[in-house]
Every structure is written in C-alpha cells, then in structure tokens.
C-alpha cells in the first residue's frame, strides 16, 4: 500500500506563502539529558527551518551550526515564555504532557508546556532521520502548519504534530 504523500510544495513556495505572517511565535528545542539540555545552535539547519516557517528560534543569536549543550537555567531564562517547544525522540508508548512532567517536573514551568505548545516527532513511528534529508519541505510545512495554521489549513503533518 502506497503512503499518501502531502501536496508537494517546494521550500521557496512555502516560504513565499509564509512571508506575510504578522506574528512570529518563539520556539525552543531540546530536552534535558543527564543534567544538560541538548539543543541546536542558531545557525543550524533546524533553526533555519524555524525561521522559514515564520518562527523565532530562542537561540537565534547563537553562532553555532551544530548541537549545543546548555544548563536548565539558561534555557529557562531564554525560553520560559516561548510559544512552542520542539521535541524529537524515540519513545515507546504514548508521549504526553504527563510523560514530560514525569521526566522532569521543571518542564511544567515553560509556557509551551502550560499552553500545550509542544511540537513532537516520535522516531519510533516516523523514520525522521532517514527521510527528512530528502524532503525538508515536508518538515517545513509541518512547522508552518503549527505556527500559522491558516497558511496551510489542509496540511496533514508527516513528522511533527502538536502533542495532545
């Protein structure tokens, strides 16, 4: 059975559709692991996708293009009031706000947790790293759909969705 693919739109077409948005929501990324918060730098591919999707990445001034290790306090200081929180991991079972709370109760201090703004991709269900490099426009469309649902109202998320 063939997978139903979203309507193909190139990154430039998506960026153009998204260029007129009035509000750019703030987004942060990563999770705590072993006492450190792992995120990506402000010059990374993911940070660029957030910009192209009409969002402002919380580390947009950071000059790193790869992963960055931060302490909780730095992330909280810069992302406590962010609109969205992007998480990608491999979780067995149903990932939820309660799971996040059980993983680290401090997660509940973020506005994105309180207002249900967690954007999630479960690599146990979606071959993210295998397919994403050849279809970045689909990931971009997923982010646009979350940040600005009126821009792509009929988009069916393939990688990322708002956590329920």
Foldseek 3Di string as FASTA:
>chain_A
DDDDDWDDDDLVRLLVLQVPDDDAFEEEEFDDDPQKTKGAALQAPVVVLSVSLRHHYLRVVGPGHGMDIHGPVVCCVRFQATQAYEYEEADDDADALVNVCVVPVCVCSRVCSVVQRYKYFHCNVAVCVVPCVPCVVLVSVQSNCSRPVVSPVPRDRDGIDGHD
